[in-house]
């Protein structure tokens, strides 16, 4: 118990002295994670769509060669950036490019370097998530869209992607939460995020564990808040739980069996469900 009290005192002391640095690290972490996740989703969306463009033996040879080449490039990109740690990707991009180009290619802005690294890493994961979301949609919907003359682009944007987006929404949220934590490796290139603030503070006062406790609570609060917001977004995308089916059979509607709660129908003269009121031509009810 005494150790816990001592820990709380040390945490309070560190927070009161260095809270501006901690809060600045939180701000940088959230901005980097949000921007990089958004860009990574666009990269993954593009790769997923390109990776699922269909072709047959009857298509022109140049089209088949081009699509195969695109899929090979995407596969190499996905395997490389999914199969290597982000910290090493940061080292190779920030320090490797100047090394091989004799400083012709270098990042003078640390923000642009951090956003690029996290974005392409996220895009590699999202590419497979988008591909899985697209192929999870019933193929009959694609065939139906083609049957009415829709192009592949129209089918993807109007039929497939709205449904696939809902399916991959949990993975988008998962990648954002992962990025909130994985941005902690950006200290390797000198980016000042939440974990970098912790490293600096412990370097000047040697209170490593109390500062680590602040870091753990900070990351936990950020990820829990992100989870709550993402669950709310998922529920919003699900739409209402109840809905009314459109009745296209005019005989049924004219027979007086079709009603719309709270509004009525121009086809109803009398509705037993709502009393003896009469629906007039403009859809308003008149009791008589």
C-alpha atoms as a PDB file:
ATOM      1  CA  UNK A   1       0.000   0.000   0.000  1.00  0.00           C
ATOM      2  CA  UNK A   2       2.853   2.355   0.795  1.00  0.00           C
ATOM      3  CA  UNK A   3       4.361   1.699  -2.638  1.00  0.00           C
ATOM      4  CA  UNK A   4       1.061   2.568  -4.301  1.00  0.00           C
ATOM      5  CA  UNK A   5       0.815   5.813  -2.355  1.00  0.00           C
ATOM      6  CA  UNK A   6       4.406   6.643  -3.285  1.00  0.00           C
ATOM      7  CA  UNK A   7       3.650   5.885  -6.953  1.00  0.00           C
ATOM      8  CA  UNK A   8       0.614   8.196  -6.915  1.00  0.00           C
ATOM      9  CA  UNK A   9       2.709  10.958  -5.353  1.00  0.00           C
ATOM     10  CA  UNK A  10       5.436  10.566  -7.980  1.00  0.00           C
ATOM     11  CA  UNK A  11       2.863  10.524 -10.767  1.00  0.00           C
ATOM     12  CA  UNK A  12       1.283  13.689  -9.404  1.00  0.00           C
ATOM     13  CA  UNK A  13       4.683  15.353  -9.133  1.00  0.00           C
ATOM     14  CA  UNK A  14       5.619  14.464 -12.722  1.00  0.00           C
ATOM     15  CA  UNK A  15       2.260  15.542 -14.073  1.00  0.00           C
ATOM     16  CA  UNK A  16       2.267  18.895 -12.284  1.00  0.00           C
ATOM     17  CA  UNK A  17       5.750  19.648 -13.612  1.00  0.00           C
ATOM     18  CA  UNK A  18       5.634  18.215 -17.137  1.00  0.00           C
ATOM     19  CA  UNK A  19       1.950  18.116 -18.105  1.00  0.00           C
ATOM     20  CA  UNK A  20       2.405  20.560 -21.033  1.00  0.00           C
ATOM     21  CA  UNK A  21       4.930  18.163 -22.567  1.00  0.00           C
ATOM     22  CA  UNK A  22       2.680  15.150 -22.003  1.00  0.00           C
ATOM     23  CA  UNK A  23      -0.352  16.924 -23.494  1.00  0.00           C
ATOM     24  CA  UNK A  24       1.654  18.073 -26.495  1.00  0.00           C
ATOM     25  CA  UNK A  25       2.737  14.465 -27.037  1.00  0.00           C
ATOM     26  CA  UNK A  26      -0.907  13.316 -26.842  1.00  0.00           C
ATOM     27  CA  UNK A  27      -1.916  15.951 -29.397  1.00  0.00           C
ATOM     28  CA  UNK A  28       0.846  14.946 -31.816  1.00  0.00           C
ATOM     29  CA  UNK A  29       0.023  11.264 -31.392  1.00  0.00           C
ATOM     30  CA  UNK A  30      -3.688  11.739 -32.132  1.00  0.00           C
ATOM     31  CA  UNK A  31      -3.078  13.995 -35.136  1.00  0.00           C
ATOM     32  CA  UNK A  32      -0.521  11.619 -36.621  1.00  0.00           C
ATOM     33  CA  UNK A  33      -2.688   8.541 -36.031  1.00  0.00           C
ATOM     34  CA  UNK A  34      -5.819  10.182 -37.458  1.00  0.00           C
ATOM     35  CA  UNK A  35      -4.204  11.650 -40.579  1.00  0.00           C
ATOM     36  CA  UNK A  36      -2.126   8.540 -41.293  1.00  0.00           C
ATOM     37  CA  UNK A  37      -5.123   6.237 -40.834  1.00  0.00           C
ATOM     38  CA  UNK A  38      -7.209   8.330 -43.244  1.00  0.00           C
ATOM     39  CA  UNK A  39      -4.448   8.328 -45.888  1.00  0.00           C
ATOM     40  CA  UNK A  40      -3.755   4.647 -45.277  1.00  0.00           C
ATOM     41  CA  UNK A  41      -7.432   3.836 -45.835  1.00  0.00           C
ATOM     42  CA  UNK A  42      -7.337   5.639 -49.173  1.00  0.00           C
ATOM     43  CA  UNK A  43      -4.209   3.684 -50.142  1.00  0.00           C
ATOM     44  CA  UNK A  44      -5.827   0.428 -49.052  1.00  0.00           C
ATOM     45  CA  UNK A  45      -9.038   1.308 -50.869  1.00  0.00           C
ATOM     46  CA  UNK A  46      -7.152   1.960 -54.104  1.00  0.00           C
ATOM     47  CA  UNK A  47      -5.098  -1.227 -53.773  1.00  0.00           C
ATOM     48  CA  UNK A  48      -8.163  -3.290 -52.878  1.00  0.00           C
ATOM     49  CA  UNK A  49     -10.140  -2.046 -55.878  1.00  0.00           C
ATOM     50  CA  UNK A  50      -7.225  -2.529 -58.288  1.00  0.00           C
ATOM     51  CA  UNK A  51      -6.615  -5.989 -56.873  1.00  0.00           C
ATOM     52  CA  UNK A  52     -10.196  -7.088 -57.572  1.00  0.00           C
ATOM     53  CA  UNK A  53     -10.644  -5.813 -61.133  1.00  0.00           C
ATOM     54  CA  UNK A  54     -11.815  -8.896 -63.054  1.00  0.00           C
ATOM     55  CA  UNK A  55     -10.411 -10.028 -66.366  1.00  0.00           C
ATOM     56  CA  UNK A  56     -10.918 -13.043 -68.602  1.00  0.00           C
ATOM     57  CA  UNK A  57      -9.052 -14.771 -71.396  1.00  0.00           C
ATOM     58  CA  UNK A  58     -11.213 -12.901 -73.856  1.00  0.00           C
ATOM     59  CA  UNK A  59      -9.880  -9.514 -72.713  1.00  0.00           C
ATOM     60  CA  UNK A  60      -7.085  -7.787 -74.652  1.00  0.00           C
ATOM     61  CA  UNK A  61      -3.589  -9.060 -73.906  1.00  0.00           C
ATOM     62  CA  UNK A  62      -2.358  -5.636 -72.767  1.00  0.00           C
ATOM     63  CA  UNK A  63      -5.166  -5.410 -70.203  1.00  0.00           C
ATOM     64  CA  UNK A  64      -4.355  -8.831 -68.768  1.00  0.00           C
ATOM     65  CA  UNK A  65      -0.627  -8.075 -68.577  1.00  0.00           C
ATOM     66  CA  UNK A  66      -1.252  -4.697 -66.962  1.00  0.00           C
ATOM     67  CA  UNK A  67      -3.635  -6.087 -64.346  1.00  0.00           C
ATOM     68  CA  UNK A  68      -1.253  -8.945 -63.508  1.00  0.00           C
ATOM     69  CA  UNK A  69       1.601  -6.466 -63.131  1.00  0.00           C
ATOM     70  CA  UNK A  70      -0.509  -4.250 -60.861  1.00  0.00           C
ATOM     71  CA  UNK A  71      -1.419  -7.225 -58.685  1.00  0.00           C
ATOM     72  CA  UNK A  72       2.227  -8.289 -58.410  1.00  0.00           C
ATOM     73  CA  UNK A  73       3.257  -4.780 -57.349  1.00  0.00           C
ATOM     74  CA  UNK A  74       0.460  -4.611 -54.780  1.00  0.00           C
ATOM     75  CA  UNK A  75       1.374  -8.043 -53.430  1.00  0.00           C
ATOM     76  CA  UNK A  76       5.031  -7.046 -53.028  1.00  0.00           C
ATOM     77  CA  UNK A  77       4.000  -3.802 -51.307  1.00  0.00           C
ATOM     78  CA  UNK A  78       1.654  -5.593 -48.914  1.00  0.00           C
ATOM     79  CA  UNK A  79       4.098  -8.368 -48.038  1.00  0.00           C
ATOM     80  CA  UNK A  80       7.030  -6.003 -47.460  1.00  0.00           C
ATOM     81  CA  UNK A  81       5.212  -3.508 -45.257  1.00  0.00           C
ATOM     82  CA  UNK A  82       3.197  -6.108 -43.361  1.00  0.00           C
ATOM     83  CA  UNK A  83       6.226  -8.324 -42.850  1.00  0.00           C
ATOM     84  CA  UNK A  84       8.627  -5.743 -41.414  1.00  0.00           C
ATOM     85  CA  UNK A  85       8.434  -3.655 -38.213  1.00  0.00           C
ATOM     86  CA  UNK A  86       7.387  -0.031 -38.569  1.00  0.00           C
ATOM     87  CA  UNK A  87      10.485   1.119 -36.692  1.00  0.00           C
ATOM     88  CA  UNK A  88      12.733  -0.416 -39.379  1.00  0.00           C
ATOM     89  CA  UNK A  89      10.560   1.052 -42.130  1.00  0.00           C
ATOM     90  CA  UNK A  90      11.098   4.468 -40.517  1.00  0.00           C
ATOM     91  CA  UNK A  91      14.864   3.926 -40.424  1.00  0.00           C
ATOM     92  CA  UNK A  92      15.036   2.853 -44.066  1.00  0.00           C
ATOM     93  CA  UNK A  93      12.835   5.700 -45.328  1.00  0.00           C
ATOM     94  CA  UNK A  94      14.299   8.553 -43.271  1.00  0.00           C
ATOM     95  CA  UNK A  95      17.929   7.437 -43.117  1.00  0.00           C
ATOM     96  CA  UNK A  96      18.155   4.983 -46.019  1.00  0.00           C
ATOM     97  CA  UNK A  97      16.946   7.321 -48.777  1.00  0.00           C
ATOM     98  CA  UNK A  98      19.615   9.991 -48.066  1.00  0.00           C
ATOM     99  CA  UNK A  99      22.232   7.230 -47.769  1.00  0.00           C
ATOM    100  CA  UNK A 100      21.526   5.758 -51.202  1.00  0.00           C
ATOM    101  CA  UNK A 101      20.830   9.083 -52.947  1.00  0.00           C
ATOM    102  CA  UNK A 102      23.733  11.084 -51.469  1.00  0.00           C
ATOM    103  CA  UNK A 103      21.219  13.332 -49.659  1.00  0.00           C
ATOM    104  CA  UNK A 104      19.300  14.059 -52.858  1.00  0.00           C
ATOM    105  CA  UNK A 105      16.229  12.436 -51.292  1.00  0.00           C
ATOM    106  CA  UNK A 106      15.708  13.484 -47.707  1.00  0.00           C
ATOM    107  CA  UNK A 107      12.946  14.690 -45.402  1.00  0.00           C
ATOM    108  CA  UNK A 108      13.382  18.204 -44.060  1.00  0.00           C
ATOM    109  CA  UNK A 109       9.946  18.104 -42.418  1.00  0.00           C
ATOM    110  CA  UNK A 110       9.645  15.473 -39.688  1.00  0.00           C
ATOM    111  CA  UNK A 111       5.834  15.569 -39.823  1.00  0.00           C
ATOM    112  CA  UNK A 112       5.760  14.611 -43.495  1.00  0.00           C
ATOM    113  CA  UNK A 113       8.152  11.745 -42.838  1.00  0.00           C
ATOM    114  CA  UNK A 114       6.103  10.404 -39.916  1.00  0.00           C
ATOM    115  CA  UNK A 115       2.810  10.670 -41.810  1.00  0.00           C
ATOM    116  CA  UNK A 116       4.295   8.900 -44.853  1.00  0.00           C
ATOM    117  CA  UNK A 117       5.697   6.036 -42.791  1.00  0.00           C
ATOM    118  CA  UNK A 118       2.533   5.360 -40.791  1.00  0.00           C
ATOM    119  CA  UNK A 119       0.295   5.843 -43.850  1.00  0.00           C
ATOM    120  CA  UNK A 120       2.029   3.320 -46.097  1.00  0.00           C
ATOM    121  CA  UNK A 121       2.187   0.839 -43.218  1.00  0.00           C
ATOM    122  CA  UNK A 122      -1.542   1.256 -42.597  1.00  0.00           C
ATOM    123  CA  UNK A 123      -2.279   1.051 -46.326  1.00  0.00           C
ATOM    124  CA  UNK A 124      -0.624  -2.373 -46.527  1.00  0.00           C
ATOM    125  CA  UNK A 125      -2.968  -3.753 -43.868  1.00  0.00           C
ATOM    126  CA  UNK A 126      -6.025  -1.966 -45.249  1.00  0.00           C
ATOM    127  CA  UNK A 127      -5.374  -3.319 -48.765  1.00  0.00           C
ATOM    128  CA  UNK A 128      -6.113  -6.845 -47.575  1.00  0.00           C
ATOM    129  CA  UNK A 129      -9.048  -5.685 -45.443  1.00  0.00           C
ATOM    130  CA  UNK A 130     -10.629  -3.917 -48.418  1.00  0.00           C
ATOM    131  CA  UNK A 131     -10.033  -6.921 -50.674  1.00  0.00           C
ATOM    132  CA  UNK A 132     -11.683  -9.168 -48.100  1.00  0.00           C
ATOM    133  CA  UNK A 133     -14.600  -6.759 -47.736  1.00  0.00           C
ATOM    134  CA  UNK A 134     -15.153  -6.658 -51.496  1.00  0.00           C
ATOM    135  CA  UNK A 135     -15.081 -10.424 -52.029  1.00  0.00           C
ATOM    136  CA  UNK A 136     -17.416 -10.894 -49.030  1.00  0.00           C
ATOM    137  CA  UNK A 137     -20.248  -9.247 -50.983  1.00  0.00           C
ATOM    138  CA  UNK A 138     -22.586 -11.655 -52.786  1.00  0.00           C
ATOM    139  CA  UNK A 139     -21.335 -12.082 -56.382  1.00  0.00           C
ATOM    140  CA  UNK A 140     -24.938 -11.967 -57.538  1.00  0.00           C
ATOM    141  CA  UNK A 141     -25.004  -8.242 -56.831  1.00  0.00           C
ATOM    142  CA  UNK A 142     -22.094  -7.674 -59.195  1.00  0.00           C
ATOM    143  CA  UNK A 143     -23.783  -9.796 -61.849  1.00  0.00           C
ATOM    144  CA  UNK A 144     -27.026  -7.877 -61.385  1.00  0.00           C
ATOM    145  CA  UNK A 145     -25.243  -4.535 -61.745  1.00  0.00           C
ATOM    146  CA  UNK A 146     -23.551  -5.711 -64.952  1.00  0.00           C
ATOM    147  CA  UNK A 147     -26.884  -7.003 -66.239  1.00  0.00           C
ATOM    148  CA  UNK A 148     -28.364  -3.507 -66.134  1.00  0.00           C
ATOM    149  CA  UNK A 149     -25.358  -2.060 -67.954  1.00  0.00           C
ATOM    150  CA  UNK A 150     -23.261  -0.672 -65.096  1.00  0.00           C
ATOM    151  CA  UNK A 151     -19.504  -0.440 -65.606  1.00  0.00           C
ATOM    152  CA  UNK A 152     -17.029  -1.924 -63.144  1.00  0.00           C
ATOM    153  CA  UNK A 153     -16.379   1.522 -61.674  1.00  0.00           C
ATOM    154  CA  UNK A 154     -20.101   2.211 -61.251  1.00  0.00           C
ATOM    155  CA  UNK A 155     -20.624  -1.216 -59.709  1.00  0.00           C
ATOM    156  CA  UNK A 156     -17.843  -0.683 -57.200  1.00  0.00           C
ATOM    157  CA  UNK A 157     -18.849   2.847 -56.168  1.00  0.00           C
ATOM    158  CA  UNK A 158     -22.627   2.410 -56.137  1.00  0.00           C
ATOM    159  CA  UNK A 159     -23.195  -1.245 -55.208  1.00  0.00           C
ATOM    160  CA  UNK A 160     -20.187  -3.006 -53.724  1.00  0.00           C
ATOM    161  CA  UNK A 161     -18.190  -0.398 -51.784  1.00  0.00           C
ATOM    162  CA  UNK A 162     -21.085   1.001 -49.679  1.00  0.00           C
ATOM    163  CA  UNK A 163     -21.650  -2.518 -48.340  1.00  0.00           C
ATOM    164  CA  UNK A 164     -17.965  -3.423 -48.114  1.00  0.00           C
ATOM    165  CA  UNK A 165     -17.242  -0.221 -46.199  1.00  0.00           C
ATOM    166  CA  UNK A 166     -19.628  -1.284 -43.459  1.00  0.00           C
ATOM    167  CA  UNK A 167     -17.974  -4.696 -43.312  1.00  0.00           C
ATOM    168  CA  UNK A 168     -14.459  -3.260 -42.968  1.00  0.00           C
ATOM    169  CA  UNK A 169     -15.414  -0.446 -40.585  1.00  0.00           C
ATOM    170  CA  UNK A 170     -14.281  -2.451 -37.501  1.00  0.00           C
ATOM    171  CA  UNK A 171     -10.906  -3.038 -39.165  1.00  0.00           C
ATOM    172  CA  UNK A 172     -10.534   0.681 -39.888  1.00  0.00           C
ATOM    173  CA  UNK A 173     -11.142   1.395 -36.225  1.00  0.00           C
ATOM    174  CA  UNK A 174      -8.747  -1.344 -35.237  1.00  0.00           C
ATOM    175  CA  UNK A 175      -6.022   0.143 -37.439  1.00  0.00           C
ATOM    176  CA  UNK A 176      -6.566   3.584 -35.916  1.00  0.00           C
ATOM    177  CA  UNK A 177      -6.170   2.182 -32.402  1.00  0.00           C
ATOM    178  CA  UNK A 178      -3.050   0.289 -33.485  1.00  0.00           C
ATOM    179  CA  UNK A 179      -1.630   3.487 -34.977  1.00  0.00           C
ATOM    180  CA  UNK A 180      -2.233   5.387 -31.738  1.00  0.00           C
ATOM    181  CA  UNK A 181       0.069   2.896 -30.030  1.00  0.00           C
ATOM    182  CA  UNK A 182       2.505   2.205 -32.867  1.00  0.00           C
ATOM    183  CA  UNK A 183       3.346   5.880 -33.350  1.00  0.00           C
ATOM    184  CA  UNK A 184       5.465   5.385 -30.239  1.00  0.00           C
ATOM    185  CA  UNK A 185       8.259   4.116 -32.505  1.00  0.00           C
ATOM    186  CA  UNK A 186       8.459   7.456 -34.329  1.00  0.00           C
ATOM    187  CA  UNK A 187      10.896   8.714 -31.704  1.00  0.00           C
ATOM    188  CA  UNK A 188      13.523   6.876 -33.764  1.00  0.00           C
ATOM    189  CA  UNK A 189      13.316   9.645 -36.396  1.00  0.00           C
ATOM    190  CA  UNK A 190      13.031  12.470 -33.868  1.00  0.00           C
ATOM    191  CA  UNK A 191       9.248  12.895 -33.951  1.00  0.00           C
ATOM    192  CA  UNK A 192       7.966  14.218 -30.597  1.00  0.00           C
ATOM    193  CA  UNK A 193       4.880  12.167 -29.795  1.00  0.00           C
ATOM    194  CA  UNK A 194       3.573  10.851 -26.461  1.00  0.00           C
ATOM    195  CA  UNK A 195       6.230   8.204 -25.934  1.00  0.00           C
ATOM    196  CA  UNK A 196       9.022  10.571 -26.986  1.00  0.00           C
ATOM    197  CA  UNK A 197       7.882  12.974 -24.247  1.00  0.00           C
ATOM    198  CA  UNK A 198       8.154  10.113 -21.757  1.00  0.00           C
ATOM    199  CA  UNK A 199      11.683   9.314 -22.907  1.00  0.00           C
ATOM    200  CA  UNK A 200      12.778  12.924 -22.523  1.00  0.00           C
ATOM    201  CA  UNK A 201      11.214  13.319 -19.078  1.00  0.00           C
ATOM    202  CA  UNK A 202      12.741  10.125 -17.727  1.00  0.00           C
ATOM    203  CA  UNK A 203      16.085  11.217 -19.143  1.00  0.00           C
ATOM    204  CA  UNK A 204      16.179  14.304 -16.933  1.00  0.00           C
ATOM    205  CA  UNK A 205      14.772  12.934 -13.665  1.00  0.00           C
ATOM    206  CA  UNK A 206      15.209   9.114 -13.791  1.00  0.00           C
ATOM    207  CA  UNK A 207      11.598   8.538 -12.615  1.00  0.00           C
ATOM    208  CA  UNK A 208      10.969   5.898 -15.257  1.00  0.00           C
ATOM    209  CA  UNK A 209       8.143   3.849 -13.749  1.00  0.00           C
ATOM    210  CA  UNK A 210       5.928   6.793 -12.609  1.00  0.00           C
ATOM    211  CA  UNK A 211       6.276   8.315 -16.068  1.00  0.00           C
ATOM    212  CA  UNK A 212       5.484   4.945 -17.635  1.00  0.00           C
ATOM    213  CA  UNK A 213       2.306   4.814 -15.510  1.00  0.00           C
ATOM    214  CA  UNK A 214       1.260   8.179 -16.960  1.00  0.00           C
ATOM    215  CA  UNK A 215       1.988   6.857 -20.448  1.00  0.00           C
ATOM    216  CA  UNK A 216      -0.072   3.718 -19.883  1.00  0.00           C
ATOM    217  CA  UNK A 217      -3.057   5.675 -18.577  1.00  0.00           C
ATOM    218  CA  UNK A 218      -2.758   8.144 -21.449  1.00  0.00           C
ATOM    219  CA  UNK A 219      -2.698   5.461 -24.153  1.00  0.00           C
ATOM    220  CA  UNK A 220      -5.555   3.613 -22.440  1.00  0.00           C
ATOM    221  CA  UNK A 221      -7.718   6.758 -22.372  1.00  0.00           C
ATOM    222  CA  UNK A 222      -7.011   7.505 -26.051  1.00  0.00           C
ATOM    223  CA  UNK A 223      -7.809   3.977 -27.220  1.00  0.00           C
ATOM    224  CA  UNK A 224     -10.953   3.684 -25.078  1.00  0.00           C
ATOM    225  CA  UNK A 225     -12.256   7.012 -26.374  1.00  0.00           C
ATOM    226  CA  UNK A 226     -11.527   5.900 -29.940  1.00  0.00           C
ATOM    227  CA  UNK A 227     -13.394   2.622 -29.320  1.00  0.00           C
ATOM    228  CA  UNK A 228     -16.472   4.461 -28.039  1.00  0.00           C
ATOM    229  CA  UNK A 229     -16.533   6.822 -31.032  1.00  0.00           C
ATOM    230  CA  UNK A 230     -16.029   3.991 -33.518  1.00  0.00           C
ATOM    231  CA  UNK A 231     -18.824   1.910 -31.993  1.00  0.00           C
ATOM    232  CA  UNK A 232     -21.108   4.931 -32.284  1.00  0.00           C
ATOM    233  CA  UNK A 233     -20.147   5.322 -35.950  1.00  0.00           C
ATOM    234  CA  UNK A 234     -20.853   1.647 -36.605  1.00  0.00           C
ATOM    235  CA  UNK A 235     -24.326   1.970 -35.097  1.00  0.00           C
ATOM    236  CA  UNK A 236     -24.981   5.055 -37.201  1.00  0.00           C
ATOM    237  CA  UNK A 237     -23.970   3.143 -40.329  1.00  0.00           C
ATOM    238  CA  UNK A 238     -26.304   0.276 -39.414  1.00  0.00           C
ATOM    239  CA  UNK A 239     -29.322   2.572 -39.740  1.00  0.00           C
ATOM    240  CA  UNK A 240     -32.648   2.146 -37.914  1.00  0.00           C
ATOM    241  CA  UNK A 241     -33.643  -1.231 -36.520  1.00  0.00           C
ATOM    242  CA  UNK A 242     -37.187  -1.050 -37.966  1.00  0.00           C
ATOM    243  CA  UNK A 243     -38.351   0.053 -41.374  1.00  0.00           C
ATOM    244  CA  UNK A 244     -41.356  -0.210 -43.654  1.00  0.00           C
ATOM    245  CA  UNK A 245     -41.213  -2.178 -46.870  1.00  0.00           C
ATOM    246  CA  UNK A 246     -42.578  -0.407 -49.931  1.00  0.00           C
ATOM    247  CA  UNK A 247     -45.704  -2.126 -51.152  1.00  0.00           C
ATOM    248  CA  UNK A 248     -45.703  -2.168 -54.958  1.00  0.00           C
ATOM    249  CA  UNK A 249     -48.857  -4.249 -55.418  1.00  0.00           C
ATOM    250  CA  UNK A 250     -51.550  -1.690 -56.214  1.00  0.00           C
ATOM    251  CA  UNK A 251     -54.321  -4.274 -55.737  1.00  0.00           C
ATOM    252  CA  UNK A 252     -53.260  -4.875 -52.157  1.00  0.00           C
ATOM    253  CA  UNK A 253     -53.015  -1.142 -51.501  1.00  0.00           C
ATOM    254  CA  UNK A 254     -56.410  -0.476 -53.054  1.00  0.00           C
ATOM    255  CA  UNK A 255     -57.914  -3.276 -50.998  1.00  0.00           C
ATOM    256  CA  UNK A 256     -57.447  -1.280 -47.796  1.00  0.00           C
ATOM    257  CA  UNK A 257     -54.909  -3.664 -46.238  1.00  0.00           C
ATOM    258  CA  UNK A 258     -51.964  -1.258 -46.627  1.00  0.00           C
ATOM    259  CA  UNK A 259     -51.460   1.305 -43.866  1.00  0.00           C
ATOM    260  CA  UNK A 260     -48.637   3.598 -42.869  1.00  0.00           C
ATOM    261  CA  UNK A 261     -48.607   4.298 -39.103  1.00  0.00           C
ATOM    262  CA  UNK A 262     -49.039   7.964 -38.310  1.00  0.00           C
ATOM    263  CA  UNK A 263     -49.515   9.031 -41.911  1.00  0.00           C
ATOM    264  CA  UNK A 264     -51.991   6.872 -43.738  1.00  0.00           C
ATOM    265  CA  UNK A 265     -52.240   6.272 -47.441  1.00  0.00           C
ATOM    266  CA  UNK A 266     -54.137   7.857 -50.260  1.00  0.00           C
ATOM    267  CA  UNK A 267     -55.444   4.377 -51.049  1.00  0.00           C
ATOM    268  CA  UNK A 268     -57.115   3.976 -47.634  1.00  0.00           C
ATOM    269  CA  UNK A 269     -60.733   5.081 -47.237  1.00  0.00           C
ATOM    270  CA  UNK A 270     -61.260   3.610 -43.779  1.00  0.00           C
ATOM    271  CA  UNK A 271     -58.769   1.969 -41.465  1.00  0.00           C
ATOM    272  CA  UNK A 272     -59.988  -0.241 -38.651  1.00  0.00           C
ATOM    273  CA  UNK A 273     -56.599   0.136 -37.006  1.00  0.00           C
ATOM    274  CA  UNK A 274     -57.001   3.885 -36.554  1.00  0.00           C
ATOM    275  CA  UNK A 275     -60.748   4.154 -36.019  1.00  0.00           C
ATOM    276  CA  UNK A 276     -63.367   5.373 -38.451  1.00  0.00           C
ATOM    277  CA  UNK A 277     -61.408   8.313 -39.788  1.00  0.00           C
ATOM    278  CA  UNK A 278     -61.285   8.922 -43.501  1.00  0.00           C
ATOM    279  CA  UNK A 279     -58.082   9.692 -45.392  1.00  0.00           C
ATOM    280  CA  UNK A 280     -58.717  12.442 -47.894  1.00  0.00           C
ATOM    281  CA  UNK A 281     -56.856  12.914 -51.163  1.00  0.00           C
ATOM    282  CA  UNK A 282     -54.030  15.018 -49.719  1.00  0.00           C
ATOM    283  CA  UNK A 283     -53.124  12.355 -47.163  1.00  0.00           C
ATOM    284  CA  UNK A 284     -54.633  14.209 -44.166  1.00  0.00           C
ATOM    285  CA  UNK A 285     -57.089  12.526 -41.864  1.00  0.00           C
ATOM    286  CA  UNK A 286     -60.606  13.823 -41.420  1.00  0.00           C
ATOM    287  CA  UNK A 287     -62.777  12.376 -38.615  1.00  0.00           C
ATOM    288  CA  UNK A 288     -66.433  12.212 -39.550  1.00  0.00           C
END
